[in-house]
Amino acid sequence: MLSTRRLLRVRLFFEGILVGTVTGTIIAAFRFLLDEADIYRPIIFAHVDSLGKIFFACGVMILLSALLSKAVALDGQIAGSGIPQLKGILQGRAQMVKPFRLLAVKFFATVAAIGAGMSLGRAGISVQFGAAVGNFFTRKIYGRTPKHEAVEGNFLLTAGAGAGLAAIFNAPLAGVIFCVEELRKRFSQEILIAAVSAAVTASFVVKMVFGVRPVFETITASPLHLPTVMTLPTLEMATTLSAAPVKFFVLFVSLGILCGVFGALFTKTLLKSLDAYDRLKIFGVRRFAIPLLLAIPLGIELPQVLGCGNVLVDELLISHPTVSLLMILIAGKIFYTLICFGTNAPGGLFLPVLTIGALIGDIFARVGNGLHIFTADWTTLFIIFGMAAFFAAVVKAPVTGSILILELTGQFSHLVGLIVVSGAAFMISDICGGEPIFSALLERSQSKRGD
């Protein structure tokens, strides 16, 4: 006879597969629609070339603003990235009342918001979708008693969240690590079994639809995964590269420090942007109309800053824009992300954060190349390391960020470098007073509810 705990593990394994299958299917449809939006958005904005078309575009954006306002008013958990709400549920501070309604409404609201150009991410939303699937199966199909729902249901909730992250990035290991490092902040065999089965299954389903290509297309542009990346120097190479290992260690730490400082500033400014909308009493349709109307001139003059940012990262890896253009792009991306996320519109932060990190890494590489510290061949490496470092500084999940970048690039020889740059960014962000963004957002929402 199997013990009660072993039976629970067996159930969680098969339930994780079920949750992963449904989550992967939903995320595949979600990603397909957003990928199509990335293709057609610049084409549409390119045709907004007359006063009449501009007025028509404004009308469409106001209509979308009204729809988003109604969606957010329907359920408070539809607003924002979804991860703070999920953390609140796992901590027993909130409940997911109607998971199917949440999933359906937020699915279309997020596609509308990001599709129209708002600088928001898709990963946090995918995490919430997976959690909603886990919650749905726990409460609706299996008919758990309250005791089972609190214990086993939370395992499926966590597993679904990991499956969502794994599916959107084709990164199952990062999905599992995210469950432990960010959501639960503790390890157990039950969490591991449920998360692994759900994440692997969801990733497999998405790969059946999209193949092996990740969110960042150019990362798999060649058999070596990165067109210009070089393997990190090792001690065995020191005889031919002189002090290269020490030099690049210093460079990685320097990039981590830079990302840590900017990450702490970004987190604080992001929270203030939410407060600014409330303080100015901008609510309802007007709140969403501001970024959506702003998307029109940006879509015409600077379309790279619109959307999640994965297309912009692909361009960085291929086109190598000038430093002056990079400065414009990073200023525009940060500014527009603050404007969009400040509305609390449905949409996440992962991809905008990774994109800003890629821009920081690219600028860092261009400066280093201009000073003849290293050659242009290292540019791609610093772009990728910038993504991991800025993610660690803002989300405060350095292990998840490092594993995510490893799975996206397939360059496992860079593990040590990623740990160094992410660890430095995490530490400096902490010294500068940077809070874990999702925990800070949860505390903000709870304090407002208390008021």
Protein backbone atom coordinates (compact mmCIF):
# COMPACT_ATOMS: atom_id res chain seq x y z
CA MET A 1 0.00 0.00 0.00
CA LEU A 2 1.23 3.46 -0.87
CA SER A 3 1.36 6.00 1.92
CA THR A 4 -0.87 9.08 1.79
CA ARG A 5 2.04 11.33 0.87
CA ARG A 6 3.16 9.02 -1.94
CA LEU A 7 -0.36 8.90 -3.32
CA LEU A 8 -0.39 12.69 -3.27
CA ARG A 9 2.83 12.74 -5.30
CA VAL A 10 1.40 10.33 -7.87
CA ARG A 11 -1.74 12.44 -8.20
CA LEU A 12 0.29 15.63 -8.52
CA PHE A 13 2.40 14.09 -11.28
CA PHE A 14 -0.59 13.22 -13.46
CA GLU A 15 -2.49 16.36 -12.54
CA GLY A 16 0.60 18.38 -13.45
CA ILE A 17 0.58 16.77 -16.91
CA LEU A 18 -3.08 17.71 -17.33
CA VAL A 19 -2.50 21.29 -16.17
CA GLY A 20 0.56 21.57 -18.42
CA THR A 21 -1.33 20.31 -21.46
CA VAL A 22 -4.15 22.83 -21.10
CA THR A 23 -1.78 25.66 -20.16
CA GLY A 24 0.47 24.93 -23.13
CA THR A 25 -2.51 25.01 -25.49
CA ILE A 26 -3.71 28.36 -24.14
CA ILE A 27 -0.23 29.90 -24.22
CA ALA A 28 0.32 28.67 -27.80
CA ALA A 29 -2.83 30.53 -28.90
CA PHE A 30 -1.83 33.57 -26.83
CA ARG A 31 1.66 33.68 -28.28
CA PHE A 32 0.39 33.18 -31.84
CA LEU A 33 -1.90 36.22 -31.59
CA LEU A 34 0.83 38.42 -30.10
CA ASP A 35 3.36 37.28 -32.71
CA GLU A 36 0.86 38.19 -35.44
CA ALA A 37 0.38 41.60 -33.78
CA ASP A 38 4.16 42.17 -33.89
CA ILE A 39 4.07 41.52 -37.64
CA TYR A 40 1.07 43.66 -38.56
CA ARG A 41 1.41 46.53 -36.05
CA PRO A 42 4.29 48.32 -37.83
CA ILE A 43 2.56 47.81 -41.18
CA ILE A 44 -0.63 49.43 -39.87
CA PHE A 45 1.19 52.37 -38.28
CA ALA A 46 3.16 52.89 -41.49
CA HIS A 47 -0.15 53.56 -43.27
CA VAL A 48 -1.27 56.16 -40.72
CA ASP A 49 0.01 58.92 -42.95
CA SER A 50 -2.85 61.41 -43.20
CA LEU A 51 -4.93 63.51 -40.81
CA GLY A 52 -8.03 61.43 -41.44
CA LYS A 53 -6.24 58.17 -40.65
CA ILE A 54 -4.79 59.69 -37.48
CA PHE A 55 -8.29 60.64 -36.27
CA PHE A 56 -9.51 57.13 -37.11
CA ALA A 57 -6.60 55.61 -35.18
CA CYS A 58 -7.43 57.84 -32.19
CA GLY A 59 -11.02 56.60 -32.30
CA VAL A 60 -9.87 52.98 -32.30
CA MET A 61 -7.55 53.62 -29.35
CA ILE A 62 -10.31 55.30 -27.33
CA LEU A 63 -12.59 52.34 -28.03
CA LEU A 64 -9.86 49.96 -26.82
CA SER A 65 -9.44 52.14 -23.72
CA ALA A 66 -13.14 51.73 -22.92
CA LEU A 67 -12.92 47.96 -23.35
CA LEU A 68 -9.85 47.73 -21.09
CA SER A 69 -11.54 49.87 -18.47
CA LYS A 70 -14.59 47.58 -18.42
CA ALA A 71 -12.39 44.47 -18.26
CA VAL A 72 -10.39 45.73 -15.27
CA ALA A 73 -13.58 46.87 -13.50
CA LEU A 74 -15.00 43.35 -13.90
CA ASP A 75 -12.29 41.70 -11.78
CA GLY A 76 -9.40 43.36 -9.97
CA GLN A 77 -7.11 40.42 -10.79
CA ILE A 78 -7.41 41.23 -14.50
CA ALA A 79 -5.29 44.34 -13.95
CA GLY A 80 -1.49 44.26 -13.97
CA SER A 81 0.88 41.39 -14.57
CA GLY A 82 -0.89 38.80 -12.45
CA ILE A 83 2.18 37.66 -10.51
CA PRO A 84 1.57 39.93 -7.48
CA GLN A 85 -2.04 38.67 -7.34
CA LEU A 86 -0.78 35.09 -7.54
CA LYS A 87 1.71 35.66 -4.73
CA GLY A 88 -1.14 37.06 -2.63
CA ILE A 89 -3.21 33.92 -3.27
CA LEU A 90 -0.34 31.61 -2.32
CA GLN A 91 0.20 33.63 0.86
CA GLY A 92 -3.47 33.33 1.78
CA ARG A 93 -4.09 37.06 1.35
CA ALA A 94 -6.39 36.80 -1.67
CA GLN A 95 -8.53 34.31 -3.59
CA MET A 96 -9.07 33.48 -7.25
CA VAL A 97 -12.85 33.57 -7.27
CA LYS A 98 -13.68 32.79 -10.92
CA PRO A 99 -10.59 31.38 -12.67
CA PHE A 100 -12.32 30.70 -16.00
CA ARG A 101 -13.69 34.23 -16.28
CA LEU A 102 -10.32 35.65 -15.27
CA LEU A 103 -8.53 33.60 -17.90
CA ALA A 104 -10.98 34.40 -20.72
CA VAL A 105 -11.29 38.13 -20.11
CA LYS A 106 -7.62 38.73 -19.38
CA PHE A 107 -6.60 36.72 -22.44
CA PHE A 108 -8.40 39.02 -24.85
CA ALA A 109 -7.72 42.20 -22.85
CA THR A 110 -3.98 41.51 -22.87
CA VAL A 111 -3.94 40.70 -26.59
CA ALA A 112 -5.77 43.99 -27.22
CA ALA A 113 -3.44 46.05 -25.01
CA ILE A 114 -0.13 44.62 -26.24
CA GLY A 115 -1.40 44.21 -29.79
CA ALA A 116 -2.21 47.92 -29.90
CA GLY A 117 1.37 48.65 -28.89
CA MET A 118 1.44 49.05 -25.11
CA SER A 119 4.89 48.26 -23.69
CA LEU A 120 3.87 45.33 -21.51
CA GLY A 121 5.05 41.75 -21.22
CA ARG A 122 3.44 38.42 -21.94
CA ALA A 123 5.29 36.19 -19.46
CA GLY A 124 3.64 37.38 -16.24
CA ILE A 125 0.24 37.00 -17.89
CA SER A 126 1.18 33.46 -18.97
CA VAL A 127 2.12 32.67 -15.37
CA GLN A 128 -1.31 33.82 -14.21
CA PHE A 129 -3.03 31.87 -16.99
CA GLY A 130 -1.30 28.67 -15.87
CA ALA A 131 -2.23 29.35 -12.25
CA ALA A 132 -5.86 29.89 -13.29
CA VAL A 133 -5.82 26.53 -15.08
CA GLY A 134 -4.44 24.83 -11.96
CA ASN A 135 -7.07 26.51 -9.81
CA PHE A 136 -9.84 25.60 -12.26
CA PHE A 137 -9.00 21.88 -12.24
CA THR A 138 -8.67 21.86 -8.48
CA ARG A 139 -12.01 23.49 -7.76
CA LYS A 140 -14.24 22.58 -10.69
CA ILE A 141 -13.22 19.12 -11.87
CA TYR A 142 -11.85 17.38 -8.81
CA GLY A 143 -14.25 18.97 -6.34
CA ARG A 144 -11.67 19.26 -3.58
CA THR A 145 -12.74 19.80 -0.02
CA PRO A 146 -11.46 23.10 1.46
CA LYS A 147 -8.54 21.20 3.03
CA HIS A 148 -7.48 19.68 -0.28
CA GLU A 149 -7.99 22.99 -2.04
CA ALA A 150 -5.67 24.77 0.37
CA VAL A 151 -2.90 22.17 0.16
CA GLU A 152 -3.08 20.23 -3.08
CA GLY A 153 -4.73 23.13 -4.90
CA ASN A 154 -1.83 25.42 -4.10
CA PHE A 155 0.56 22.86 -5.54
CA LEU A 156 -1.39 22.82 -8.81
CA LEU A 157 -1.65 26.61 -8.74
CA THR A 158 2.14 26.84 -8.46
CA ALA A 159 2.70 24.14 -11.06
CA GLY A 160 0.40 25.91 -13.52
CA ALA A 161 2.28 29.16 -12.97
CA GLY A 162 5.59 27.46 -13.77
CA ALA A 163 4.00 25.84 -16.82
CA GLY A 164 2.93 29.26 -18.07
CA LEU A 165 6.46 30.65 -17.86
CA ALA A 166 7.91 27.49 -19.39
CA ALA A 167 5.46 27.63 -22.29
CA ILE A 168 5.89 31.29 -23.22
CA PHE A 169 9.72 31.04 -23.28
CA ASN A 170 10.16 27.37 -24.22
CA ALA A 171 12.16 27.16 -21.00
CA PRO A 172 10.86 24.39 -18.68
CA LEU A 173 13.75 24.53 -16.21
CA ALA A 174 13.28 28.29 -15.72
CA GLY A 175 9.59 27.64 -15.07
CA VAL A 176 10.39 25.14 -12.33
CA ILE A 177 13.04 27.38 -10.72
CA PHE A 178 10.64 30.34 -10.80
CA CYS A 179 8.10 28.35 -8.79
CA VAL A 180 10.62 27.71 -6.03
CA GLU A 181 12.64 30.96 -6.08
CA GLU A 182 9.95 33.59 -6.60
CA LEU A 183 6.51 32.13 -5.88
CA ARG A 184 6.93 29.68 -2.99
CA LYS A 185 10.40 30.62 -1.74
CA ARG A 186 10.76 27.13 -0.34
CA PHE A 187 11.42 23.66 -1.71
CA SER A 188 9.38 20.51 -1.34
CA GLN A 189 9.18 17.28 -3.31
CA GLU A 190 5.48 17.86 -3.99
CA ILE A 191 6.11 21.27 -5.55
CA LEU A 192 8.97 19.84 -7.61
CA ILE A 193 6.94 16.90 -8.96
CA ALA A 194 3.94 19.03 -9.90
CA ALA A 195 6.03 21.85 -11.36
CA VAL A 196 8.31 19.60 -13.42
CA SER A 197 5.47 17.56 -14.94
CA ALA A 198 3.45 20.70 -15.75
CA ALA A 199 6.37 22.76 -17.09
CA VAL A 200 7.79 20.01 -19.31
CA THR A 201 4.34 19.15 -20.69
CA ALA A 202 3.44 22.79 -21.41
CA SER A 203 6.77 23.40 -23.12
CA PHE A 204 6.30 20.26 -25.22
CA VAL A 205 2.83 21.40 -26.34
CA VAL A 206 4.14 24.81 -27.40
CA LYS A 207 7.07 23.22 -29.24
CA MET A 208 4.58 21.09 -31.16
CA VAL A 209 3.06 24.33 -32.45
CA PHE A 210 6.06 26.66 -32.85
CA GLY A 211 8.97 24.24 -33.07
CA VAL A 212 12.05 24.90 -30.96
CA ARG A 213 12.28 28.64 -31.63
CA PRO A 214 12.06 30.79 -28.50
CA VAL A 215 10.47 34.22 -28.02
CA PHE A 216 13.71 35.82 -29.25
CA GLU A 217 13.92 34.50 -32.80
CA THR A 218 17.54 35.49 -33.55
CA ILE A 219 18.85 33.50 -30.61
CA THR A 220 18.41 30.35 -32.68
CA ALA A 221 19.48 31.94 -35.96
CA SER A 222 22.48 29.64 -36.35
CA PRO A 223 23.65 26.16 -35.29
CA LEU A 224 25.65 27.87 -32.54
CA HIS A 225 22.45 29.64 -31.39
CA LEU A 226 24.22 33.01 -31.18
CA PRO A 227 25.62 34.41 -34.44
CA THR A 228 28.55 36.31 -32.96
CA VAL A 229 28.88 35.09 -29.40
CA MET A 230 32.20 33.77 -28.16
CA THR A 231 32.88 31.20 -25.48
CA LEU A 232 34.05 32.73 -22.22
CA PRO A 233 37.79 32.57 -21.57
CA THR A 234 38.87 29.80 -19.23
CA LEU A 235 41.99 29.38 -17.14
CA GLU A 236 43.37 26.98 -19.76
CA MET A 237 43.22 29.78 -22.33
CA ALA A 238 45.08 32.24 -20.11
CA THR A 239 48.41 31.54 -21.81
CA THR A 240 47.10 32.85 -25.12
CA LEU A 241 44.71 35.50 -23.84
CA SER A 242 46.95 36.95 -21.14
CA ALA A 243 44.76 38.44 -18.40
CA ALA A 244 41.49 37.85 -20.31
CA PRO A 245 39.71 35.87 -17.54
CA VAL A 246 40.41 38.59 -14.97
CA LYS A 247 39.52 41.34 -17.43
CA PHE A 248 36.18 39.84 -18.34
CA PHE A 249 35.38 39.06 -14.72
CA VAL A 250 35.83 42.77 -13.98
CA LEU A 251 33.71 43.66 -17.02
CA PHE A 252 30.90 41.33 -15.95
CA VAL A 253 30.91 42.78 -12.44
CA SER A 254 30.89 46.29 -13.92
CA LEU A 255 27.90 45.46 -16.10
CA GLY A 256 26.17 43.94 -13.07
CA ILE A 257 26.79 47.11 -11.03
CA LEU A 258 25.41 49.26 -13.83
CA CYS A 259 22.29 47.11 -14.19
CA GLY A 260 21.87 46.97 -10.42
CA VAL A 261 21.82 50.76 -10.07
CA PHE A 262 19.45 51.23 -13.01
CA GLY A 263 17.30 48.31 -11.82
CA ALA A 264 16.77 49.88 -8.39
CA LEU A 265 15.91 53.23 -9.98
CA PHE A 266 13.56 51.55 -12.45
CA THR A 267 11.68 49.71 -9.67
CA LYS A 268 11.22 52.86 -7.60
CA THR A 269 10.12 54.91 -10.60
CA LEU A 270 7.70 52.20 -11.71
CA LEU A 271 5.96 52.25 -8.34
CA LYS A 272 5.81 56.05 -8.45
CA SER A 273 4.21 55.93 -11.89
CA LEU A 274 1.33 53.92 -10.41
CA ASP A 275 1.01 56.47 -7.60
CA ALA A 276 1.07 59.35 -10.10
CA TYR A 277 -2.04 58.12 -11.93
CA ASP A 278 -3.86 57.73 -8.60
CA ARG A 279 -2.68 61.09 -7.27
CA LEU A 280 -3.79 62.87 -10.44
CA LYS A 281 -7.11 60.99 -10.20
CA ILE A 282 -6.83 59.59 -13.71
CA PHE A 283 -9.16 56.61 -13.75
CA GLY A 284 -11.38 54.69 -16.12
CA VAL A 285 -11.15 55.26 -19.87
CA ARG A 286 -8.79 58.24 -19.53
CA ARG A 287 -6.22 56.13 -17.69
CA PHE A 288 -5.82 53.69 -20.59
CA ALA A 289 -6.32 56.32 -23.30
CA ILE A 290 -3.06 58.07 -22.34
CA PRO A 291 -0.64 55.27 -23.38
CA LEU A 292 -2.82 54.06 -26.24
CA LEU A 293 -3.07 57.51 -27.84
CA LEU A 294 0.65 57.99 -27.23
CA ALA A 295 1.24 54.76 -29.18
CA ILE A 296 0.15 56.51 -32.38
CA PRO A 297 3.03 59.02 -32.66
CA LEU A 298 5.46 56.44 -31.28
CA GLY A 299 4.25 53.88 -33.79
CA ILE A 300 4.90 56.33 -36.59
CA GLU A 301 8.28 57.70 -35.44
CA LEU A 302 9.74 55.08 -33.04
CA PRO A 303 7.87 51.78 -33.51
CA GLN A 304 10.68 49.75 -31.89
CA VAL A 305 9.56 50.76 -28.38
CA LEU A 306 6.03 49.43 -28.84
CA GLY A 307 4.93 45.96 -27.75
CA CYS A 308 6.73 43.47 -25.54
CA GLY A 309 10.23 44.15 -26.86
CA ASN A 310 11.23 40.74 -28.23
CA VAL A 311 11.33 42.14 -31.79
CA LEU A 312 13.63 44.94 -30.64
CA VAL A 313 16.04 42.44 -29.06
CA ASP A 314 16.12 40.52 -32.34
CA GLU A 315 17.01 43.75 -34.14
CA LEU A 316 19.83 44.47 -31.68
CA LEU A 317 21.35 41.06 -32.39
CA ILE A 318 21.22 41.62 -36.15
CA SER A 319 21.41 45.29 -37.11
CA HIS A 320 23.77 46.78 -34.46
CA PRO A 321 22.30 50.34 -34.30
CA THR A 322 24.42 53.37 -33.44
CA VAL A 323 25.00 54.44 -29.83
CA SER A 324 22.88 57.56 -30.33
CA LEU A 325 19.95 55.47 -31.54
CA LEU A 326 20.45 53.06 -28.65
CA MET A 327 20.20 55.97 -26.20
CA ILE A 328 16.95 57.09 -27.84
CA LEU A 329 15.58 53.56 -27.78
CA ILE A 330 16.37 52.91 -24.11
CA ALA A 331 14.93 56.29 -23.06
CA GLY A 332 11.82 55.66 -25.14
CA LYS A 333 11.37 52.08 -23.93
CA ILE A 334 11.76 52.99 -20.25
CA PHE A 335 9.49 56.03 -20.53
CA TYR A 336 6.75 54.20 -22.42
CA THR A 337 6.93 51.14 -20.15
CA LEU A 338 6.44 53.39 -17.11
CA ILE A 339 3.48 55.10 -18.79
CA CYS A 340 1.87 51.79 -19.77
CA PHE A 341 2.49 49.81 -16.58
CA GLY A 342 1.42 52.78 -14.47
CA THR A 343 -2.12 52.37 -15.80
CA ASN A 344 -2.28 48.88 -14.29
CA ALA A 345 -3.41 47.57 -17.66
CA PRO A 346 -3.33 43.79 -18.17
CA GLY A 347 0.24 43.00 -19.08
CA GLY A 348 3.48 41.86 -17.49
CA LEU A 349 7.03 43.09 -17.00
CA PHE A 350 9.35 40.22 -17.92
CA LEU A 351 9.92 41.06 -21.59
CA PRO A 352 10.14 44.87 -21.17
CA VAL A 353 12.68 44.28 -18.37
CA LEU A 354 14.70 41.86 -20.52
CA THR A 355 14.58 44.34 -23.42
CA ILE A 356 15.82 47.24 -21.30
CA GLY A 357 18.61 44.99 -20.01
CA ALA A 358 19.55 44.10 -23.58
CA LEU A 359 19.78 47.81 -24.46
CA ILE A 360 21.97 48.49 -21.41
CA GLY A 361 24.23 45.58 -22.37
CA ASP A 362 24.46 46.81 -25.97
CA ILE A 363 25.43 50.34 -24.91
CA PHE A 364 27.96 48.91 -22.45
CA ALA A 365 29.45 46.78 -25.22
CA ARG A 366 29.64 49.71 -27.66
CA VAL A 367 31.46 51.86 -25.10
CA GLY A 368 33.88 49.05 -24.29
CA ASN A 369 34.49 48.42 -27.97
CA GLY A 370 35.05 52.14 -28.59
CA LEU A 371 37.64 52.21 -25.81
CA HIS A 372 39.31 49.12 -27.37
CA ILE A 373 38.80 47.07 -24.20
CA PHE A 374 37.41 44.19 -26.27
CA THR A 375 36.38 43.52 -29.85
CA ALA A 376 32.95 43.85 -31.45
CA ASP A 377 32.59 40.04 -31.32
CA TRP A 378 31.63 40.36 -27.66
CA THR A 379 28.66 42.65 -28.28
CA THR A 380 26.08 39.87 -28.45
CA LEU A 381 27.40 38.36 -25.23
CA PHE A 382 26.98 41.62 -23.32
CA ILE A 383 23.47 42.08 -24.74
CA ILE A 384 22.49 38.70 -23.32
CA PHE A 385 24.26 39.25 -20.01
CA GLY A 386 22.57 42.64 -19.71
CA MET A 387 19.21 40.90 -19.97
CA ALA A 388 20.04 38.51 -17.11
CA ALA A 389 21.54 41.26 -14.93
CA PHE A 390 18.67 43.72 -15.26
CA PHE A 391 16.17 40.92 -14.65
CA ALA A 392 18.02 40.00 -11.45
CA ALA A 393 18.06 43.64 -10.33
CA VAL A 394 14.34 44.25 -10.88
CA VAL A 395 12.67 40.88 -10.20
CA LYS A 396 15.25 39.83 -7.57
CA ALA A 397 15.29 36.28 -8.94
CA PRO A 398 18.89 35.87 -10.19
CA VAL A 399 18.76 32.08 -10.49
CA THR A 400 15.57 32.17 -12.57
CA GLY A 401 17.06 34.89 -14.79
CA SER A 402 20.31 33.00 -15.33
CA ILE A 403 18.57 29.71 -16.11
CA LEU A 404 16.12 31.47 -18.42
CA ILE A 405 18.93 33.03 -20.46
CA LEU A 406 20.79 29.72 -20.56
CA GLU A 407 17.74 27.96 -21.97
CA LEU A 408 17.08 30.74 -24.47
CA THR A 409 20.65 30.76 -25.77
CA GLY A 410 21.68 27.14 -25.35
CA GLN A 411 25.16 28.40 -24.35
CA PHE A 412 25.65 26.55 -21.05
CA SER A 413 29.35 27.40 -21.10
CA HIS A 414 28.30 30.91 -20.00
CA LEU A 415 26.86 29.75 -16.68
CA VAL A 416 29.67 31.19 -14.55
CA GLY A 417 29.52 34.56 -16.29
CA LEU A 418 25.75 34.75 -15.91
CA ILE A 419 26.00 33.97 -12.20
CA VAL A 420 28.65 36.67 -11.73
CA VAL A 421 26.75 39.40 -13.57
CA SER A 422 23.37 38.47 -12.04
CA GLY A 423 24.79 38.22 -8.54
CA ALA A 424 26.48 41.61 -8.83
CA ALA A 425 23.27 43.22 -10.14
CA PHE A 426 21.18 41.63 -7.38
CA MET A 427 23.55 42.81 -4.64
CA ILE A 428 23.89 46.39 -5.95
CA SER A 429 20.14 46.71 -6.45
CA ASP A 430 19.63 45.61 -2.86
CA ILE A 431 22.23 48.09 -1.59
CA CYS A 432 20.47 50.87 -3.55
CA GLY A 433 17.15 50.02 -1.90
CA GLY A 434 15.57 48.21 -4.82
CA GLU A 435 12.70 45.97 -3.77
CA PRO A 436 11.57 42.78 -5.52
CA ILE A 437 9.11 44.35 -7.93
CA PHE A 438 6.33 41.79 -7.62
CA SER A 439 6.47 41.74 -3.82
CA ALA A 440 6.43 45.54 -3.81
CA LEU A 441 3.40 45.56 -6.12
CA LEU A 442 1.63 43.07 -3.86
CA GLU A 443 2.29 45.18 -0.76
CA ARG A 444 1.08 48.29 -2.59
CA SER A 445 -2.18 46.64 -3.62
CA GLN A 446 -2.75 45.25 -0.12
CA SER A 447 -2.12 48.63 1.50
CA LYS A 448 -4.55 50.31 -0.91
CA ARG A 449 -7.15 47.66 -0.11
CA GLY A 450 -6.60 48.34 3.58
CA ASP A 451 -7.13 52.06 3.01
